[in-house]
Amino acid sequence: MELTRHKYQKMSYFGGGTGESMLLLHGIPGSSLAWKNVGAHLAKKYQVIIPDLQGFGQSDWPHDDYYMKAQAEALKDLLNGLGITSFYLGGHDFGGPVAITLMRLFPEFQVKGLVLSATNVFTDTYVPPPLRLAKVPGLSTVMFAAMAGNRAGLWMMYQAATKNKREASWAQFKQHLTPAGMKLTRLIFQRSLADLQGNYREVEAMLGRIDIPTLVLWGDRDPFFAPSVGERIQKAIPDSDLTIYPSTGHFVPEERPREVSEDILTFFAEA
């Protein structure tokens, strides 16, 4: 089913389909395009909403902050504007902690099921020695600007992290890379790695309290977060299942859109 682009206030999103609502959140680098092919299949059964997070894609630059809480607050405003109070929720990469933050801050929403894809939700995630420089003011800005704040650096990230390039081509991937999106990708990487304990403490604490059906999706060749991280999430969330896709890297919804959509449809139909 074809999804169409809409805008509510400062937030742009793809929408389509009828039925119960499903909100899907992209990661970094990324935009709403990351979930678009999955959403087109899900729209056979759900009303799908796939926003560009603040500052990404076609959404406006955030008014104040850009991190988890501010993104969750903007999503709350979008949901209220659309009159949606009950929905299924999915998050890939940075979209995972944003999704959990949305659940934590706004329990008035009825989240009926959760999808977490190739994401970090822990305070003690292993950080390779070069990335530990995120804690060094000045030097970290230079390093992350070179690594994640420009097309050359993000092209190298794409090459290393995407295994199914036939499905998720560079031509498609580079559509995420707006100037604002690249700047925010650098800022979020840098901020996250500078203080995992402070940034992820409340996210990790939520895991054991999630009491809805949860599907965890992972690539077997993810160079950022090994499948063992997905296994750990599955063990931490009581009512959850884990699916690991073969020959798949970090960008699971883009690399395996048909399989992901079918697995989501089956999982929630049987939950």
Protein backbone atom coordinates (compact mmCIF):
# COMPACT_ATOMS: atom_id res chain seq x y z
CA MET A 1 0.00 0.00 0.00
CA GLU A 2 1.30 3.45 -0.88
CA LEU A 3 2.21 5.72 2.02
CA THR A 4 1.85 9.47 1.63
CA ARG A 5 3.76 12.30 3.25
CA HIS A 6 2.04 14.65 5.68
CA LYS A 7 3.10 17.37 8.07
CA TYR A 8 1.70 18.25 11.48
CA GLN A 9 3.11 21.49 12.83
CA LYS A 10 6.89 21.01 12.54
CA MET A 11 6.95 17.22 12.15
CA SER A 12 6.85 15.45 8.78
CA TYR A 13 5.67 11.85 8.55
CA PHE A 14 4.58 9.09 6.20
CA GLY A 15 1.11 7.74 6.82
CA GLY A 16 -1.28 5.23 5.34
CA GLY A 17 -3.54 2.29 5.97
CA THR A 18 -6.45 1.73 8.31
CA GLY A 19 -6.93 -0.20 11.52
CA GLU A 20 -5.05 0.01 14.78
CA SER A 21 -2.22 2.54 14.77
CA MET A 22 1.48 1.71 14.56
CA LEU A 23 4.19 4.32 15.16
CA LEU A 24 7.66 3.49 13.78
CA LEU A 25 10.76 5.49 14.74
CA HIS A 26 14.01 5.61 12.79
CA GLY A 27 17.56 5.68 14.10
CA ILE A 28 20.74 7.58 13.20
CA PRO A 29 21.79 8.12 10.53
CA GLY A 30 18.27 7.84 9.23
CA SER A 31 14.88 9.30 8.46
CA SER A 32 11.32 8.09 7.98
CA LEU A 33 12.50 6.43 4.77
CA ALA A 34 14.17 3.75 6.92
CA TRP A 35 10.78 2.20 7.74
CA LYS A 36 8.88 3.18 4.60
CA ASN A 37 9.05 -0.18 2.81
CA VAL A 38 8.14 -2.02 6.00
CA GLY A 39 5.31 0.41 6.63
CA ALA A 40 3.89 -0.09 3.15
CA HIS A 41 3.37 -3.79 3.97
CA LEU A 42 2.09 -3.13 7.48
CA ALA A 43 -0.48 -0.67 6.14
CA LYS A 44 -2.49 -3.69 4.92
CA LYS A 45 -3.57 -4.11 8.55
CA TYR A 46 -2.51 -1.00 10.50
CA GLN A 47 -2.74 2.76 10.32
CA VAL A 48 0.98 3.38 9.94
CA ILE A 49 2.69 6.59 11.08
CA ILE A 50 6.42 6.96 10.34
CA PRO A 51 7.75 10.36 11.41
CA ASP A 52 11.01 12.10 10.70
CA LEU A 53 12.34 12.80 14.17
CA GLN A 54 12.98 16.47 14.88
CA GLY A 55 15.82 17.75 12.68
CA PHE A 56 15.84 14.70 10.39
CA GLY A 57 14.34 14.18 6.95
CA GLN A 58 11.73 16.83 6.28
CA SER A 59 10.95 17.69 9.91
CA ASP A 60 12.00 21.07 11.25
CA TRP A 61 15.03 21.64 13.44
CA PRO A 62 14.15 21.10 17.12
CA HIS A 63 13.17 24.22 19.01
CA ASP A 64 15.21 23.45 22.13
CA ASP A 65 16.86 20.08 22.75
CA TYR A 66 17.26 17.24 20.26
CA TYR A 67 17.82 14.22 22.51
CA MET A 68 15.53 11.41 23.74
CA LYS A 69 13.19 13.41 25.97
CA ALA A 70 12.71 16.23 23.48
CA GLN A 71 12.02 13.75 20.66
CA ALA A 72 9.50 11.90 22.84
CA GLU A 73 7.74 15.17 23.68
CA ALA A 74 7.48 16.05 19.99
CA LEU A 75 6.01 12.61 19.29
CA LYS A 76 3.48 13.11 22.08
CA ASP A 77 2.36 16.33 20.38
CA LEU A 78 2.08 14.53 17.04
CA LEU A 79 0.01 11.70 18.51
CA ASN A 80 -2.26 14.16 20.30
CA GLY A 81 -2.66 16.15 17.12
CA LEU A 82 -3.67 13.01 15.22
CA GLY A 83 -6.05 11.96 18.01
CA ILE A 84 -4.17 8.71 18.66
CA THR A 85 -4.13 7.35 22.20
CA SER A 86 -3.58 3.62 21.57
CA PHE A 87 -0.94 2.22 19.23
CA TYR A 88 1.81 -0.29 18.53
CA LEU A 89 5.31 1.16 18.71
CA GLY A 90 8.60 0.35 17.01
CA GLY A 91 12.08 1.83 17.19
CA HIS A 92 15.29 1.13 15.30
CA ASP A 93 18.69 2.17 16.68
CA PHE A 94 18.23 5.59 18.41
CA GLY A 95 14.50 5.16 17.83
CA GLY A 96 14.57 2.35 20.42
CA PRO A 97 15.45 4.48 23.46
CA VAL A 98 13.20 7.25 22.14
CA ALA A 99 10.32 4.74 22.01
CA ILE A 100 10.99 3.58 25.58
CA THR A 101 11.29 7.19 26.74
CA LEU A 102 7.91 7.94 25.15
CA MET A 103 6.40 5.04 27.10
CA ARG A 104 8.09 6.14 30.34
CA LEU A 105 7.18 9.82 30.19
CA PHE A 106 3.63 9.49 28.88
CA PRO A 107 1.94 6.45 30.42
CA GLU A 108 -1.44 7.90 29.42
CA PHE A 109 -0.82 6.38 25.99
CA GLN A 110 -1.81 2.73 25.62
CA VAL A 111 1.10 1.03 23.86
CA LYS A 112 -0.17 -2.39 22.81
CA GLY A 113 3.05 -3.90 21.53
CA LEU A 114 6.70 -2.98 20.98
CA VAL A 115 9.34 -3.64 18.31
CA LEU A 116 13.01 -2.96 19.06
CA SER A 117 15.46 -3.23 16.17
CA ALA A 118 19.27 -3.21 16.48
CA THR A 119 19.30 -0.75 19.35
CA ASN A 120 21.19 0.04 22.52
CA VAL A 121 19.23 0.30 25.78
CA PHE A 122 22.01 -0.44 28.29
CA THR A 123 24.33 1.74 30.36
CA ASP A 124 27.33 -0.60 30.06
CA THR A 125 27.48 -1.17 26.31
CA TYR A 126 31.04 -1.78 25.14
CA VAL A 127 32.58 1.33 23.56
CA PRO A 128 35.72 0.78 21.44
CA PRO A 129 38.74 2.77 22.70
CA PRO A 130 38.71 5.42 19.90
CA LEU A 131 35.06 6.26 20.60
CA ARG A 132 35.82 6.78 24.29
CA LEU A 133 37.24 10.13 23.19
CA ALA A 134 33.62 11.31 23.23
CA LYS A 135 34.29 12.26 26.84
CA VAL A 136 37.11 14.64 25.84
CA PRO A 137 35.75 18.13 25.06
CA GLY A 138 36.91 19.63 21.78
CA LEU A 139 38.74 16.54 20.55
CA SER A 140 35.50 14.56 20.50
CA THR A 141 33.79 17.18 18.33
CA VAL A 142 36.55 16.99 15.73
CA MET A 143 36.56 13.18 15.74
CA PHE A 144 32.78 12.77 15.47
CA ALA A 145 32.50 15.47 12.81
CA ALA A 146 34.94 13.43 10.69
CA MET A 147 33.26 10.11 11.46
CA ALA A 148 29.53 10.92 11.39
CA GLY A 149 29.06 14.57 10.46
CA ASN A 150 29.68 14.39 6.71
CA ARG A 151 28.84 12.22 3.70
CA ALA A 152 32.29 10.67 3.40
CA GLY A 153 32.27 9.44 6.98
CA LEU A 154 28.69 8.21 6.74
CA TRP A 155 29.46 6.47 3.42
CA MET A 156 32.17 4.50 5.23
CA MET A 157 29.69 3.72 8.01
CA TYR A 158 27.17 2.52 5.44
CA GLN A 159 29.75 0.29 3.76
CA ALA A 160 30.77 -1.31 7.05
CA ALA A 161 27.32 -1.67 8.60
CA THR A 162 25.12 -2.66 5.65
CA LYS A 163 25.45 -6.28 4.54
CA ASN A 164 22.42 -6.61 2.26
CA LYS A 165 23.33 -3.79 -0.11
CA ARG A 166 21.11 -5.17 -2.87
CA GLU A 167 18.05 -4.27 -0.81
CA ALA A 168 19.51 -1.25 1.01
CA SER A 169 21.56 0.55 -1.66
CA TRP A 170 23.75 3.58 -1.11
CA ALA A 171 21.50 5.52 -3.52
CA GLN A 172 18.62 4.93 -1.12
CA PHE A 173 20.64 5.38 2.04
CA LYS A 174 22.10 8.75 1.11
CA GLN A 175 18.57 10.20 0.99
CA HIS A 176 18.76 10.24 4.81
CA LEU A 177 21.76 12.53 4.74
CA THR A 178 20.34 16.02 4.86
CA PRO A 179 22.66 18.69 6.29
CA ALA A 180 20.55 18.92 9.46
CA GLY A 181 20.33 15.14 9.77
CA MET A 182 24.10 14.74 9.49
CA LYS A 183 24.69 17.43 12.11
CA LEU A 184 22.25 15.79 14.52
CA THR A 185 23.70 12.35 13.84
CA ARG A 186 27.07 13.67 14.97
CA LEU A 187 25.61 15.42 18.02
CA ILE A 188 23.60 12.39 19.17
CA PHE A 189 26.50 9.97 18.71
CA GLN A 190 28.78 12.27 20.65
CA ARG A 191 26.28 12.94 23.45
CA SER A 192 25.32 9.29 23.85
CA LEU A 193 28.87 7.98 24.09
CA ALA A 194 30.02 10.77 26.39
CA ASP A 195 27.77 9.54 29.21
CA LEU A 196 26.07 6.19 28.66
CA GLN A 197 25.34 5.89 32.39
CA GLY A 198 23.51 9.19 32.61
CA ASN A 199 21.74 8.97 29.27
CA TYR A 200 20.57 5.36 29.40
CA ARG A 201 19.95 4.75 33.11
CA GLU A 202 16.19 5.39 32.95
CA VAL A 203 15.87 3.54 29.63
CA GLU A 204 17.52 0.41 31.03
CA ALA A 205 15.47 0.63 34.21
CA MET A 206 12.28 0.46 32.14
CA LEU A 207 13.06 -2.89 30.52
CA GLY A 208 11.84 -5.12 33.34
CA ARG A 209 8.64 -3.07 33.60
CA ILE A 210 7.63 -3.51 29.97
CA ASP A 211 4.62 -5.82 30.14
CA ILE A 212 3.46 -5.84 26.53
CA PRO A 213 4.35 -8.23 23.69
CA THR A 214 7.80 -7.20 22.42
CA LEU A 215 9.59 -8.33 19.28
CA VAL A 216 13.37 -7.82 19.12
CA LEU A 217 14.92 -7.78 15.63
CA TRP A 218 18.63 -8.10 14.87
CA GLY A 219 21.12 -8.67 12.08
CA ASP A 220 23.61 -11.49 12.54
CA ARG A 221 26.42 -9.33 11.17
CA ASP A 222 25.72 -6.06 12.95
CA PRO A 223 29.15 -4.44 13.57
CA PHE A 224 27.77 -1.94 16.11
CA PHE A 225 25.73 -4.16 18.41
CA ALA A 226 26.39 -7.91 18.33
CA PRO A 227 23.44 -10.34 18.39
CA SER A 228 24.31 -10.95 22.05
CA VAL A 229 22.94 -7.45 22.78
CA GLY A 230 19.63 -8.48 21.22
CA GLU A 231 19.67 -11.66 23.30
CA ARG A 232 20.25 -9.58 26.41
CA ILE A 233 17.29 -7.32 25.58
CA GLN A 234 15.09 -10.37 25.01
CA LYS A 235 16.02 -11.73 28.43
CA ALA A 236 15.46 -8.35 30.12
CA ILE A 237 11.92 -7.83 28.77
CA PRO A 238 9.56 -10.47 30.17
CA ASP A 239 7.17 -11.06 27.25
CA SER A 240 9.54 -10.82 24.29
CA ASP A 241 10.82 -12.80 21.32
CA LEU A 242 14.04 -12.40 19.33
CA THR A 243 14.48 -12.82 15.58
CA ILE A 244 17.98 -12.73 14.08
CA TYR A 245 18.24 -12.30 10.30
CA PRO A 246 21.08 -13.97 8.39
CA SER A 247 23.46 -11.96 6.21
CA THR A 248 22.09 -8.74 7.68
CA GLY A 249 23.92 -5.78 9.16
CA HIS A 250 22.78 -2.94 11.36
CA PHE A 251 20.04 -1.38 9.23
CA VAL A 252 17.53 -4.18 9.67
CA PRO A 253 14.28 -2.49 8.43
CA GLU A 254 16.05 -1.34 5.27
CA GLU A 255 17.95 -4.55 4.63
CA ARG A 256 15.04 -6.95 5.29
CA PRO A 257 11.81 -4.96 4.77
CA ARG A 258 9.58 -7.82 3.64
CA GLU A 259 10.77 -10.26 6.29
CA VAL A 260 10.51 -7.60 9.02
CA SER A 261 6.97 -6.63 8.03
CA GLU A 262 5.83 -10.26 7.85
CA ASP A 263 7.41 -11.05 11.21
CA ILE A 264 5.73 -8.03 12.83
CA LEU A 265 2.34 -8.94 11.35
CA THR A 266 2.66 -12.56 12.51
CA PHE A 267 3.99 -11.71 15.97
CA PHE A 268 1.22 -9.30 16.93
CA ALA A 269 -1.46 -11.45 15.33
CA GLU A 270 -0.41 -14.33 17.58
CA ALA A 271 0.38 -12.29 20.73
